[in-house]
PDB file of N, CA and C in Angstrom:
ATOM      1  N   MET A   1     -32.955   4.265 -45.425  1.00  0.00           N
ATOM      2  CA  MET A   1     -34.004   4.787 -45.867  1.00  0.00           C
ATOM      3  C   MET A   1     -34.032   6.340 -46.192  1.00  0.00           C
ATOM      4  N   VAL A   2     -35.006   6.564 -46.963  1.00  0.00           N
ATOM      5  CA  VAL A   2     -35.086   7.767 -47.533  1.00  0.00           C
ATOM      6  C   VAL A   2     -36.363   8.364 -47.124  1.00  0.00           C
ATOM      7  N   THR A   3     -36.123   9.604 -46.334  1.00  0.00           N
ATOM      8  CA  THR A   3     -37.497  10.595 -45.863  1.00  0.00           C
ATOM      9  C   THR A   3     -37.549  11.615 -46.040  1.00  0.00           C
ATOM     10  N   ARG A   4     -38.764  12.221 -46.324  1.00  0.00           N
ATOM     11  CA  ARG A   4     -39.234  13.785 -46.667  1.00  0.00           C
ATOM     12  C   ARG A   4     -40.045  14.047 -45.709  1.00  0.00           C
ATOM     13  N   LYS A   5     -40.100  15.484 -45.259  1.00  0.00           N
ATOM     14  CA  LYS A   5     -41.084  16.013 -44.745  1.00  0.00           C
ATOM     15  C   LYS A   5     -41.929  16.823 -45.621  1.00  0.00           C
ATOM     16  N   LEU A   6     -43.348  16.304 -45.113  1.00  0.00           N
ATOM     17  CA  LEU A   6     -44.571  17.147 -45.423  1.00  0.00           C
ATOM     18  C   LEU A   6     -45.427  17.895 -44.298  1.00  0.00           C
ATOM     19  N   CYS A   7     -45.719  19.214 -44.827  1.00  0.00           N
ATOM     20  CA  CYS A   7     -46.531  20.070 -43.687  1.00  0.00           C
ATOM     21  C   CYS A   7     -48.064  20.232 -44.659  1.00  0.00           C
ATOM     22  N   TYR A   8     -49.046  20.309 -43.696  1.00  0.00           N
ATOM     23  CA  TYR A   8     -50.166  20.781 -43.714  1.00  0.00           C
ATOM     24  C   TYR A   8     -50.632  21.858 -42.451  1.00  0.00           C
ATOM     25  N   ALA A   9     -51.767  22.239 -43.465  1.00  0.00           N
ATOM     26  CA  ALA A   9     -52.523  23.261 -42.487  1.00  0.00           C
ATOM     27  C   ALA A   9     -54.079  22.781 -42.337  1.00  0.00           C
ATOM     28  N   CYS A  10     -54.452  23.102 -41.278  1.00  0.00           N
ATOM     29  CA  CYS A  10     -56.275  23.083 -41.201  1.00  0.00           C
ATOM     30  C   CYS A  10     -56.499  24.298 -40.227  1.00  0.00           C
ATOM     31  N   ASP A  11     -57.696  24.419 -40.236  1.00  0.00           N
ATOM     32  CA  ASP A  11     -58.141  25.522 -39.053  1.00  0.00           C
ATOM     33  C   ASP A  11     -59.273  24.469 -38.446  1.00  0.00           C
ATOM     34  N   LEU A  12     -59.167  25.130 -37.168  1.00  0.00           N
ATOM     35  CA  LEU A  12     -60.324  24.510 -36.163  1.00  0.00           C
ATOM     36  C   LEU A  12     -61.711  25.495 -36.181  1.00  0.00           C
ATOM     37  N   ILE A  13     -63.049  25.034 -36.026  1.00  0.00           N
ATOM     38  CA  ILE A  13     -63.953  26.006 -35.601  1.00  0.00           C
ATOM     39  C   ILE A  13     -63.446  27.158 -34.330  1.00  0.00           C
ATOM     40  N   ASP A  14     -63.753  28.432 -34.626  1.00  0.00           N
ATOM     41  CA  ASP A  14     -62.743  29.323 -33.426  1.00  0.00           C
ATOM     42  C   ASP A  14     -63.711  29.578 -32.408  1.00  0.00           C
ATOM     43  N   LYS A  15     -63.847  28.547 -31.654  1.00  0.00           N
ATOM     44  CA  LYS A  15     -64.802  28.457 -30.394  1.00  0.00           C
ATOM     45  C   LYS A  15     -63.905  27.644 -29.069  1.00  0.00           C
ATOM     46  N   PRO A  16     -63.142  28.270 -28.186  1.00  0.00           N
ATOM     47  CA  PRO A  16     -62.494  27.901 -27.115  1.00  0.00           C
ATOM     48  C   PRO A  16     -62.917  26.324 -26.630  1.00  0.00           C
ATOM     49  N   GLU A  17     -64.377  26.422 -26.391  1.00  0.00           N
ATOM     50  CA  GLU A  17     -64.477  25.059 -25.628  1.00  0.00           C
ATOM     51  C   GLU A  17     -64.256  23.556 -26.918  1.00  0.00           C
ATOM     52  N   LEU A  18     -64.449  23.984 -28.010  1.00  0.00           N
ATOM     53  CA  LEU A  18     -64.009  23.102 -29.205  1.00  0.00           C
ATOM     54  C   LEU A  18     -62.467  22.772 -29.460  1.00  0.00           C
ATOM     55  N   ILE A  19     -61.587  23.968 -29.359  1.00  0.00           N
ATOM     56  CA  ILE A  19     -60.367  23.656 -29.339  1.00  0.00           C
ATOM     57  C   ILE A  19     -59.659  23.070 -28.237  1.00  0.00           C
ATOM     58  N   GLN A  20     -60.267  23.381 -26.686  1.00  0.00           N
ATOM     59  CA  GLN A  20     -60.085  22.600 -25.700  1.00  0.00           C
ATOM     60  C   GLN A  20     -60.346  21.128 -25.829  1.00  0.00           C
ATOM     61  N   GLU A  21     -61.387  20.937 -26.395  1.00  0.00           N
ATOM     62  CA  GLU A  21     -61.733  19.472 -26.525  1.00  0.00           C
ATOM     63  C   GLU A  21     -61.152  18.428 -27.470  1.00  0.00           C
ATOM     64  N   TYR A  22     -60.860  19.364 -28.674  1.00  0.00           N
ATOM     65  CA  TYR A  22     -59.993  18.802 -29.848  1.00  0.00           C
ATOM     66  C   TYR A  22     -58.319  18.571 -29.118  1.00  0.00           C
ATOM     67  N   LYS A  23     -57.872  19.183 -28.441  1.00  0.00           N
ATOM     68  CA  LYS A  23     -56.798  19.069 -28.018  1.00  0.00           C
ATOM     69  C   LYS A  23     -56.642  17.630 -26.591  1.00  0.00           C
ATOM     70  N   ARG A  24     -58.059  17.631 -26.239  1.00  0.00           N
ATOM     71  CA  ARG A  24     -58.028  16.496 -25.507  1.00  0.00           C
ATOM     72  C   ARG A  24     -58.082  15.517 -26.230  1.00  0.00           C
ATOM     73  N   TYR A  25     -58.493  14.967 -27.224  1.00  0.00           N
ATOM     74  CA  TYR A  25     -58.899  14.047 -28.148  1.00  0.00           C
ATOM     75  C   TYR A  25     -57.388  13.717 -28.781  1.00  0.00           C
ATOM     76  N   HIS A  26     -56.435  14.588 -28.641  1.00  0.00           N
ATOM     77  CA  HIS A  26     -54.982  14.495 -29.497  1.00  0.00           C
ATOM     78  C   HIS A  26     -54.248  14.147 -28.230  1.00  0.00           C
ATOM     79  N   ALA A  27     -54.776  14.129 -27.023  1.00  0.00           N
ATOM     80  CA  ALA A  27     -53.423  13.889 -25.821  1.00  0.00           C
ATOM     81  C   ALA A  27     -53.034  12.383 -26.129  1.00  0.00           C
ATOM     82  N   LYS A  28     -51.512  12.512 -25.441  1.00  0.00           N
ATOM     83  CA  LYS A  28     -50.768  11.001 -25.801  1.00  0.00           C
ATOM     84  C   LYS A  28     -51.678   9.942 -25.554  1.00  0.00           C
ATOM     85  N   GLU A  29     -52.535  10.370 -23.999  1.00  0.00           N
ATOM     86  CA  GLU A  29     -53.375   9.210 -23.288  1.00  0.00           C
ATOM     87  C   GLU A  29     -54.438   9.015 -24.037  1.00  0.00           C
ATOM     88  N   ASN A  30     -55.133   9.633 -25.126  1.00  0.00           N
ATOM     89  CA  ASN A  30     -56.361   9.616 -25.533  1.00  0.00           C
ATOM     90  C   ASN A  30     -56.299   9.423 -27.098  1.00  0.00           C
ATOM     91  N   ALA A  31     -55.158   8.949 -27.607  1.00  0.00           N
ATOM     92  CA  ALA A  31     -54.921   8.432 -28.717  1.00  0.00           C
ATOM     93  C   ALA A  31     -55.642   7.303 -29.176  1.00  0.00           C
ATOM     94  N   TRP A  32     -56.272   7.309 -30.099  1.00  0.00           N
ATOM     95  CA  TRP A  32     -56.927   6.177 -30.649  1.00  0.00           C
ATOM     96  C   TRP A  32     -55.816   5.040 -30.928  1.00  0.00           C
ATOM     97  N   PRO A  33     -55.632   3.958 -30.724  1.00  0.00           N
ATOM     98  CA  PRO A  33     -54.535   2.984 -31.104  1.00  0.00           C
ATOM     99  C   PRO A  33     -54.436   2.646 -32.736  1.00  0.00           C
ATOM    100  N   GLU A  34     -55.815   2.417 -33.404  1.00  0.00           N
ATOM    101  CA  GLU A  34     -56.006   2.119 -34.485  1.00  0.00           C
ATOM    102  C   GLU A  34     -55.849   3.254 -35.377  1.00  0.00           C
ATOM    103  N   ILE A  35     -56.174   4.270 -35.110  1.00  0.00           N
ATOM    104  CA  ILE A  35     -55.905   5.502 -35.821  1.00  0.00           C
ATOM    105  C   ILE A  35     -54.000   5.581 -35.943  1.00  0.00           C
ATOM    106  N   THR A  36     -53.445   5.617 -34.800  1.00  0.00           N
ATOM    107  CA  THR A  36     -51.943   5.559 -34.544  1.00  0.00           C
ATOM    108  C   THR A  36     -51.459   4.454 -35.631  1.00  0.00           C
ATOM    109  N   LYS A  37     -51.998   3.319 -35.386  1.00  0.00           N
ATOM    110  CA  LYS A  37     -51.478   2.264 -36.269  1.00  0.00           C
ATOM    111  C   LYS A  37     -51.860   2.398 -38.059  1.00  0.00           C
ATOM    112  N   SER A  38     -53.076   2.834 -38.106  1.00  0.00           N
ATOM    113  CA  SER A  38     -52.872   3.310 -39.691  1.00  0.00           C
ATOM    114  C   SER A  38     -51.979   4.452 -39.985  1.00  0.00           C
ATOM    115  N   ILE A  39     -51.877   5.575 -39.335  1.00  0.00           N
ATOM    116  CA  ILE A  39     -50.662   6.278 -39.647  1.00  0.00           C
ATOM    117  C   ILE A  39     -49.311   5.741 -40.088  1.00  0.00           C
ATOM    118  N   LYS A  40     -49.223   4.758 -39.110  1.00  0.00           N
ATOM    119  CA  LYS A  40     -47.425   4.260 -39.251  1.00  0.00           C
ATOM    120  C   LYS A  40     -47.860   3.302 -40.567  1.00  0.00           C
ATOM    121  N   ASP A  41     -48.598   2.535 -40.783  1.00  0.00           N
ATOM    122  CA  ASP A  41     -48.878   1.451 -41.666  1.00  0.00           C
ATOM    123  C   ASP A  41     -48.928   2.647 -43.267  1.00  0.00           C
ATOM    124  N   SER A  42     -48.827   3.864 -43.093  1.00  0.00           N
ATOM    125  CA  SER A  42     -49.273   4.299 -44.069  1.00  0.00           C
ATOM    126  C   SER A  42     -47.920   5.223 -45.007  1.00  0.00           C
ATOM    127  N   GLY A  43     -46.809   4.769 -44.138  1.00  0.00           N
ATOM    128  CA  GLY A  43     -45.432   5.145 -44.488  1.00  0.00           C
ATOM    129  C   GLY A  43     -45.218   6.090 -44.034  1.00  0.00           C
ATOM    130  N   ILE A  44     -45.755   6.975 -42.471  1.00  0.00           N
ATOM    131  CA  ILE A  44     -45.550   8.034 -42.029  1.00  0.00           C
ATOM    132  C   ILE A  44     -44.705   7.369 -40.748  1.00  0.00           C
ATOM    133  N   ILE A  45     -43.650   8.283 -40.668  1.00  0.00           N
ATOM    134  CA  ILE A  45     -42.651   7.807 -39.865  1.00  0.00           C
ATOM    135  C   ILE A  45     -42.592   8.536 -38.363  1.00  0.00           C
ATOM    136  N   ASP A  46     -42.748   9.568 -38.384  1.00  0.00           N
ATOM    137  CA  ASP A  46     -43.265  10.701 -37.512  1.00  0.00           C
ATOM    138  C   ASP A  46     -44.333  11.645 -37.904  1.00  0.00           C
ATOM    139  N   LEU A  47     -45.097  12.028 -36.914  1.00  0.00           N
ATOM    140  CA  LEU A  47     -46.149  13.173 -37.093  1.00  0.00           C
ATOM    141  C   LEU A  47     -46.051  14.149 -36.049  1.00  0.00           C
ATOM    142  N   GLU A  48     -46.364  15.462 -36.404  1.00  0.00           N
ATOM    143  CA  GLU A  48     -46.659  16.102 -35.068  1.00  0.00           C
ATOM    144  C   GLU A  48     -47.765  17.045 -35.606  1.00  0.00           C
ATOM    145  N   ILE A  49     -48.593  17.661 -34.486  1.00  0.00           N
ATOM    146  CA  ILE A  49     -49.429  18.700 -34.926  1.00  0.00           C
ATOM    147  C   ILE A  49     -49.118  19.897 -33.840  1.00  0.00           C
ATOM    148  N   TYR A  50     -49.504  21.108 -34.376  1.00  0.00           N
ATOM    149  CA  TYR A  50     -48.881  22.576 -33.767  1.00  0.00           C
ATOM    150  C   TYR A  50     -50.470  23.367 -33.802  1.00  0.00           C
ATOM    151  N   ILE A  51     -50.624  23.948 -32.685  1.00  0.00           N
ATOM    152  CA  ILE A  51     -51.636  24.971 -32.778  1.00  0.00           C
ATOM    153  C   ILE A  51     -51.170  26.369 -32.673  1.00  0.00           C
ATOM    154  N   LEU A  52     -51.908  27.244 -33.100  1.00  0.00           N
ATOM    155  CA  LEU A  52     -51.345  28.511 -33.105  1.00  0.00           C
ATOM    156  C   LEU A  52     -53.415  29.652 -33.373  1.00  0.00           C
ATOM    157  N   ALA A  53     -53.550  29.674 -31.794  1.00  0.00           N
ATOM    158  CA  ALA A  53     -55.299  30.208 -32.103  1.00  0.00           C
ATOM    159  C   ALA A  53     -56.039  28.961 -32.399  1.00  0.00           C
ATOM    160  N   ASN A  54     -56.587  28.966 -34.108  1.00  0.00           N
ATOM    161  CA  ASN A  54     -57.061  27.863 -34.451  1.00  0.00           C
ATOM    162  C   ASN A  54     -56.780  27.370 -35.548  1.00  0.00           C
ATOM    163  N   ARG A  55     -55.299  27.766 -36.027  1.00  0.00           N
ATOM    164  CA  ARG A  55     -55.204  27.373 -37.107  1.00  0.00           C
ATOM    165  C   ARG A  55     -53.812  25.807 -36.386  1.00  0.00           C
ATOM    166  N   LEU A  56     -54.215  24.978 -37.174  1.00  0.00           N
ATOM    167  CA  LEU A  56     -53.402  23.629 -37.083  1.00  0.00           C
ATOM    168  C   LEU A  56     -52.167  23.355 -38.047  1.00  0.00           C
ATOM    169  N   PHE A  57     -50.856  22.963 -37.899  1.00  0.00           N
ATOM    170  CA  PHE A  57     -49.782  22.592 -38.527  1.00  0.00           C
ATOM    171  C   PHE A  57     -49.551  21.196 -38.120  1.00  0.00           C
ATOM    172  N   MET A  58     -49.274  20.453 -39.336  1.00  0.00           N
ATOM    173  CA  MET A  58     -48.762  19.157 -39.347  1.00  0.00           C
ATOM    174  C   MET A  58     -47.653  18.871 -40.000  1.00  0.00           C
ATOM    175  N   ILE A  59     -46.778  18.733 -39.573  1.00  0.00           N
ATOM    176  CA  ILE A  59     -45.410  17.999 -39.990  1.00  0.00           C
ATOM    177  C   ILE A  59     -45.207  16.655 -39.859  1.00  0.00           C
ATOM    178  N   MET A  60     -45.324  16.327 -40.961  1.00  0.00           N
ATOM    179  CA  MET A  60     -45.000  14.383 -41.127  1.00  0.00           C
ATOM    180  C   MET A  60     -43.567  13.992 -41.795  1.00  0.00           C
ATOM    181  N   GLU A  61     -42.971  13.166 -40.863  1.00  0.00           N
ATOM    182  CA  GLU A  61     -41.758  12.638 -41.477  1.00  0.00           C
ATOM    183  C   GLU A  61     -42.147  11.592 -42.456  1.00  0.00           C
ATOM    184  N   VAL A  62     -42.028  11.152 -43.754  1.00  0.00           N
ATOM    185  CA  VAL A  62     -42.800   9.738 -44.540  1.00  0.00           C
ATOM    186  C   VAL A  62     -41.357   9.214 -45.057  1.00  0.00           C
ATOM    187  N   ASP A  63     -41.722   7.980 -45.502  1.00  0.00           N
ATOM    188  CA  ASP A  63     -40.613   7.064 -46.077  1.00  0.00           C
ATOM    189  C   ASP A  63     -41.188   7.004 -47.532  1.00  0.00           C
ATOM    190  N   GLU A  64     -40.378   6.524 -48.131  1.00  0.00           N
ATOM    191  CA  GLU A  64     -40.669   6.250 -49.918  1.00  0.00           C
ATOM    192  C   GLU A  64     -41.886   5.521 -50.225  1.00  0.00           C
ATOM    193  N   THR A  65     -42.537   4.806 -49.022  1.00  0.00           N
ATOM    194  CA  THR A  65     -43.665   4.155 -49.753  1.00  0.00           C
ATOM    195  C   THR A  65     -45.030   5.393 -49.546  1.00  0.00           C
ATOM    196  N   PHE A  66     -44.792   6.381 -48.893  1.00  0.00           N
ATOM    197  CA  PHE A  66     -46.015   6.944 -48.942  1.00  0.00           C
ATOM    198  C   PHE A  66     -46.327   7.795 -49.555  1.00  0.00           C
ATOM    199  N   SER A  67     -47.448   7.982 -49.987  1.00  0.00           N
ATOM    200  CA  SER A  67     -48.073   9.054 -51.106  1.00  0.00           C
ATOM    201  C   SER A  67     -49.404   9.568 -50.489  1.00  0.00           C
ATOM    202  N   PRO A  68     -50.113  10.572 -50.583  1.00  0.00           N
ATOM    203  CA  PRO A  68     -51.343  11.322 -50.056  1.00  0.00           C
ATOM    204  C   PRO A  68     -52.272  10.306 -50.958  1.00  0.00           C
ATOM    205  N   GLU A  69     -52.068   9.966 -52.077  1.00  0.00           N
ATOM    206  CA  GLU A  69     -53.278   9.233 -52.771  1.00  0.00           C
ATOM    207  C   GLU A  69     -53.160   7.785 -51.941  1.00  0.00           C
ATOM    208  N   ARG A  70     -52.077   7.169 -51.706  1.00  0.00           N
ATOM    209  CA  ARG A  70     -52.208   6.034 -51.006  1.00  0.00           C
ATOM    210  C   ARG A  70     -52.746   5.832 -49.753  1.00  0.00           C
ATOM    211  N   LYS A  71     -52.810   7.154 -49.097  1.00  0.00           N
ATOM    212  CA  LYS A  71     -53.373   7.193 -47.630  1.00  0.00           C
ATOM    213  C   LYS A  71     -54.654   7.258 -48.033  1.00  0.00           C
ATOM    214  N   GLN A  72     -55.109   8.139 -48.538  1.00  0.00           N
ATOM    215  CA  GLN A  72     -56.523   8.049 -48.936  1.00  0.00           C
ATOM    216  C   GLN A  72     -57.072   6.884 -48.806  1.00  0.00           C
ATOM    217  N   MET A  73     -56.397   6.168 -49.825  1.00  0.00           N
ATOM    218  CA  MET A  73     -57.274   4.965 -50.128  1.00  0.00           C
ATOM    219  C   MET A  73     -57.319   4.225 -49.292  1.00  0.00           C
ATOM    220  N   MET A  74     -56.350   4.170 -48.276  1.00  0.00           N
ATOM    221  CA  MET A  74     -56.330   3.477 -47.183  1.00  0.00           C
ATOM    222  C   MET A  74     -56.945   3.957 -45.909  1.00  0.00           C
ATOM    223  N   ASP A  75     -57.294   5.405 -45.539  1.00  0.00           N
ATOM    224  CA  ASP A  75     -58.009   5.662 -44.760  1.00  0.00           C
ATOM    225  C   ASP A  75     -60.000   5.316 -45.153  1.00  0.00           C
ATOM    226  N   THR A  76     -60.066   5.512 -46.415  1.00  0.00           N
ATOM    227  CA  THR A  76     -61.375   5.208 -47.112  1.00  0.00           C
ATOM    228  C   THR A  76     -61.524   4.024 -46.963  1.00  0.00           C
ATOM    229  N   ALA A  77     -60.828   3.002 -46.839  1.00  0.00           N
ATOM    230  CA  ALA A  77     -61.228   1.255 -46.700  1.00  0.00           C
ATOM    231  C   ALA A  77     -60.814   1.135 -45.085  1.00  0.00           C
ATOM    232  N   ASN A  78     -60.850   2.035 -44.374  1.00  0.00           N
ATOM    233  CA  ASN A  78     -60.780   1.514 -43.112  1.00  0.00           C
ATOM    234  C   ASN A  78     -61.864   2.260 -42.194  1.00  0.00           C
ATOM    235  N   PRO A  79     -62.758   1.583 -41.293  1.00  0.00           N
ATOM    236  CA  PRO A  79     -63.967   1.953 -41.072  1.00  0.00           C
ATOM    237  C   PRO A  79     -63.695   2.643 -39.674  1.00  0.00           C
ATOM    238  N   LYS A  80     -62.655   2.725 -38.948  1.00  0.00           N
ATOM    239  CA  LYS A  80     -62.182   3.090 -37.900  1.00  0.00           C
ATOM    240  C   LYS A  80     -61.875   4.333 -37.739  1.00  0.00           C
ATOM    241  N   VAL A  81     -60.623   4.850 -39.049  1.00  0.00           N
ATOM    242  CA  VAL A  81     -60.404   5.922 -39.437  1.00  0.00           C
ATOM    243  C   VAL A  81     -61.870   6.762 -39.853  1.00  0.00           C
ATOM    244  N   GLN A  82     -62.467   6.125 -40.540  1.00  0.00           N
ATOM    245  CA  GLN A  82     -63.662   7.189 -40.902  1.00  0.00           C
ATOM    246  C   GLN A  82     -64.553   7.477 -40.143  1.00  0.00           C
ATOM    247  N   GLU A  83     -64.552   6.899 -38.720  1.00  0.00           N
ATOM    248  CA  GLU A  83     -65.076   7.228 -37.703  1.00  0.00           C
ATOM    249  C   GLU A  83     -64.585   8.451 -37.045  1.00  0.00           C
ATOM    250  N   TRP A  84     -63.217   8.345 -36.676  1.00  0.00           N
ATOM    251  CA  TRP A  84     -62.346   9.228 -36.167  1.00  0.00           C
ATOM    252  C   TRP A  84     -62.791  10.725 -37.266  1.00  0.00           C
ATOM    253  N   GLU A  85     -62.426  10.557 -38.586  1.00  0.00           N
ATOM    254  CA  GLU A  85     -62.547  11.510 -39.215  1.00  0.00           C
ATOM    255  C   GLU A  85     -64.078  12.135 -39.324  1.00  0.00           C
ATOM    256  N   LYS A  86     -64.797  11.708 -39.132  1.00  0.00           N
ATOM    257  CA  LYS A  86     -66.277  12.269 -38.859  1.00  0.00           C
ATOM    258  C   LYS A  86     -66.145  12.930 -37.575  1.00  0.00           C
ATOM    259  N   LEU A  87     -65.865  12.570 -36.229  1.00  0.00           N
ATOM    260  CA  LEU A  87     -65.635  12.738 -35.016  1.00  0.00           C
ATOM    261  C   LEU A  87     -64.605  14.041 -35.101  1.00  0.00           C
ATOM    262  N   MET A  88     -63.774  14.341 -35.705  1.00  0.00           N
ATOM    263  CA  MET A  88     -62.933  15.306 -35.970  1.00  0.00           C
ATOM    264  C   MET A  88     -63.478  16.697 -36.820  1.00  0.00           C
ATOM    265  N   TRP A  89     -64.244  15.934 -37.780  1.00  0.00           N
ATOM    266  CA  TRP A  89     -65.054  17.307 -38.630  1.00  0.00           C
ATOM    267  C   TRP A  89     -65.983  18.143 -37.626  1.00  0.00           C
ATOM    268  N   GLN A  90     -66.183  17.655 -36.427  1.00  0.00           N
ATOM    269  CA  GLN A  90     -67.447  18.289 -35.537  1.00  0.00           C
ATOM    270  C   GLN A  90     -66.222  19.743 -34.916  1.00  0.00           C
ATOM    271  N   PHE A  91     -64.849  19.658 -34.982  1.00  0.00           N
ATOM    272  CA  PHE A  91     -63.850  20.589 -34.869  1.00  0.00           C
ATOM    273  C   PHE A  91     -63.519  21.368 -35.615  1.00  0.00           C
ATOM    274  N   GLN A  92     -63.153  20.915 -36.904  1.00  0.00           N
ATOM    275  CA  GLN A  92     -62.324  21.468 -37.668  1.00  0.00           C
ATOM    276  C   GLN A  92     -63.295  22.072 -39.098  1.00  0.00           C
ATOM    277  N   GLN A  93     -62.636  22.663 -39.350  1.00  0.00           N
ATOM    278  CA  GLN A  93     -63.150  23.674 -40.632  1.00  0.00           C
ATOM    279  C   GLN A  93     -62.100  23.428 -41.854  1.00  0.00           C
ATOM    280  N   ALA A  94     -62.624  23.488 -42.825  1.00  0.00           N
ATOM    281  CA  ALA A  94     -61.572  23.790 -44.102  1.00  0.00           C
ATOM    282  C   ALA A  94     -60.787  25.265 -44.076  1.00  0.00           C
ATOM    283  N   PRO A  95     -59.663  25.161 -44.480  1.00  0.00           N
ATOM    284  CA  PRO A  95     -58.828  26.683 -44.374  1.00  0.00           C
ATOM    285  C   PRO A  95     -59.159  27.505 -45.414  1.00  0.00           C
ATOM    286  N   PRO A  96     -58.743  28.442 -45.762  1.00  0.00           N
ATOM    287  CA  PRO A  96     -58.856  29.002 -47.221  1.00  0.00           C
ATOM    288  C   PRO A  96     -58.332  28.518 -48.391  1.00  0.00           C
ATOM    289  N   GLY A  97     -58.963  28.415 -49.178  1.00  0.00           N
ATOM    290  CA  GLY A  97     -58.631  28.123 -50.434  1.00  0.00           C
ATOM    291  C   GLY A  97     -58.978  26.577 -50.878  1.00  0.00           C
ATOM    292  N   ALA A  98     -59.954  25.707 -49.822  1.00  0.00           N
ATOM    293  CA  ALA A  98     -59.802  24.303 -49.840  1.00  0.00           C
ATOM    294  C   ALA A  98     -61.025  24.036 -50.514  1.00  0.00           C
ATOM    295  N   LYS A  99     -61.012  22.882 -51.127  1.00  0.00           N
ATOM    296  CA  LYS A  99     -62.267  22.536 -52.198  1.00  0.00           C
ATOM    297  C   LYS A  99     -62.984  21.913 -50.922  1.00  0.00           C
ATOM    298  N   ASP A 100     -64.292  21.170 -51.535  1.00  0.00           N
ATOM    299  CA  ASP A 100     -65.369  20.680 -50.542  1.00  0.00           C
ATOM    300  C   ASP A 100     -64.587  19.660 -50.310  1.00  0.00           C
ATOM    301  N   GLY A 101     -64.520  19.300 -48.902  1.00  0.00           N
ATOM    302  CA  GLY A 101     -64.178  18.042 -48.630  1.00  0.00           C
ATOM    303  C   GLY A 101     -63.025  17.845 -48.070  1.00  0.00           C
ATOM    304  N   GLU A 102     -62.080  18.931 -48.495  1.00  0.00           N
ATOM    305  CA  GLU A 102     -60.980  19.006 -47.748  1.00  0.00           C
ATOM    306  C   GLU A 102     -60.666  19.709 -46.409  1.00  0.00           C
ATOM    307  N   LYS A 103     -59.485  19.360 -45.613  1.00  0.00           N
ATOM    308  CA  LYS A 103     -59.517  20.174 -45.046  1.00  0.00           C
ATOM    309  C   LYS A 103     -58.235  20.106 -44.396  1.00  0.00           C
ATOM    310  N   TRP A 104     -57.346  19.404 -44.617  1.00  0.00           N
ATOM    311  CA  TRP A 104     -55.786  19.333 -44.153  1.00  0.00           C
ATOM    312  C   TRP A 104     -54.875  19.870 -45.752  1.00  0.00           C
ATOM    313  N   LEU A 105     -54.338  20.765 -45.911  1.00  0.00           N
ATOM    314  CA  LEU A 105     -53.920  21.143 -47.321  1.00  0.00           C
ATOM    315  C   LEU A 105     -52.518  21.380 -46.907  1.00  0.00           C
ATOM    316  N   PRO A 106     -52.037  20.742 -48.267  1.00  0.00           N
ATOM    317  CA  PRO A 106     -50.450  20.762 -48.142  1.00  0.00           C
ATOM    318  C   PRO A 106     -49.630  22.477 -48.177  1.00  0.00           C
ATOM    319  N   MET A 107     -48.670  22.572 -47.324  1.00  0.00           N
ATOM    320  CA  MET A 107     -48.064  23.890 -47.145  1.00  0.00           C
ATOM    321  C   MET A 107     -47.084  23.678 -48.053  1.00  0.00           C
ATOM    322  N   GLU A 108     -46.519  24.998 -48.498  1.00  0.00           N
ATOM    323  CA  GLU A 108     -45.621  25.049 -49.531  1.00  0.00           C
ATOM    324  C   GLU A 108     -44.256  25.492 -49.051  1.00  0.00           C
ATOM    325  N   GLN A 109     -43.334  24.955 -48.765  1.00  0.00           N
ATOM    326  CA  GLN A 109     -42.103  25.423 -48.241  1.00  0.00           C
ATOM    327  C   GLN A 109     -41.540  26.684 -49.080  1.00  0.00           C
ATOM    328  N   ILE A 110     -41.010  27.747 -48.404  1.00  0.00           N
ATOM    329  CA  ILE A 110     -40.636  28.936 -49.098  1.00  0.00           C
ATOM    330  C   ILE A 110     -39.148  29.149 -48.565  1.00  0.00           C
ATOM    331  N   TYR A 111     -38.669  28.424 -47.806  1.00  0.00           N
ATOM    332  CA  TYR A 111     -37.585  28.938 -46.907  1.00  0.00           C
ATOM    333  C   TYR A 111     -36.726  27.996 -46.190  1.00  0.00           C
ATOM    334  N   LYS A 112     -35.622  27.349 -46.285  1.00  0.00           N
ATOM    335  CA  LYS A 112     -35.076  26.303 -45.566  1.00  0.00           C
ATOM    336  C   LYS A 112     -33.466  26.823 -45.431  1.00  0.00           C
ATOM    337  N   LEU A 113     -32.879  26.579 -44.234  1.00  0.00           N
ATOM    338  CA  LEU A 113     -31.670  27.304 -43.832  1.00  0.00           C
ATOM    339  C   LEU A 113     -30.603  26.480 -44.506  1.00  0.00           C
ATOM    340  N   PRO A 114     -29.633  27.240 -45.135  1.00  0.00           N
ATOM    341  CA  PRO A 114     -28.702  26.844 -45.833  1.00  0.00           C
ATOM    342  C   PRO A 114     -27.933  25.928 -45.109  1.00  0.00           C
TER     343      PRO A 114
END
């Protein structure tokens, strides 16, 4: 199986109480099983989110079936994902350079250890 890594960035609203609540939603024991299933069904093999202040970094390992367009179509058709996304918008804000409605933006790789 061929895999590749994709990295995305998103910002949270810079309020400590909102950041703490966002972290609680993402704790392993609080993960919504429907969201985990939708992630895996889209071709994402592994997904990690890191935080620095109010900046989020997401690293995904995806298989050959994954495409951002396919994932978007799947998410749009999934009411539980739409519920999750609406909930998360209470905490997230678009990073610099985002267009209307965008929140997770792809990051450009500028270095890889040879």
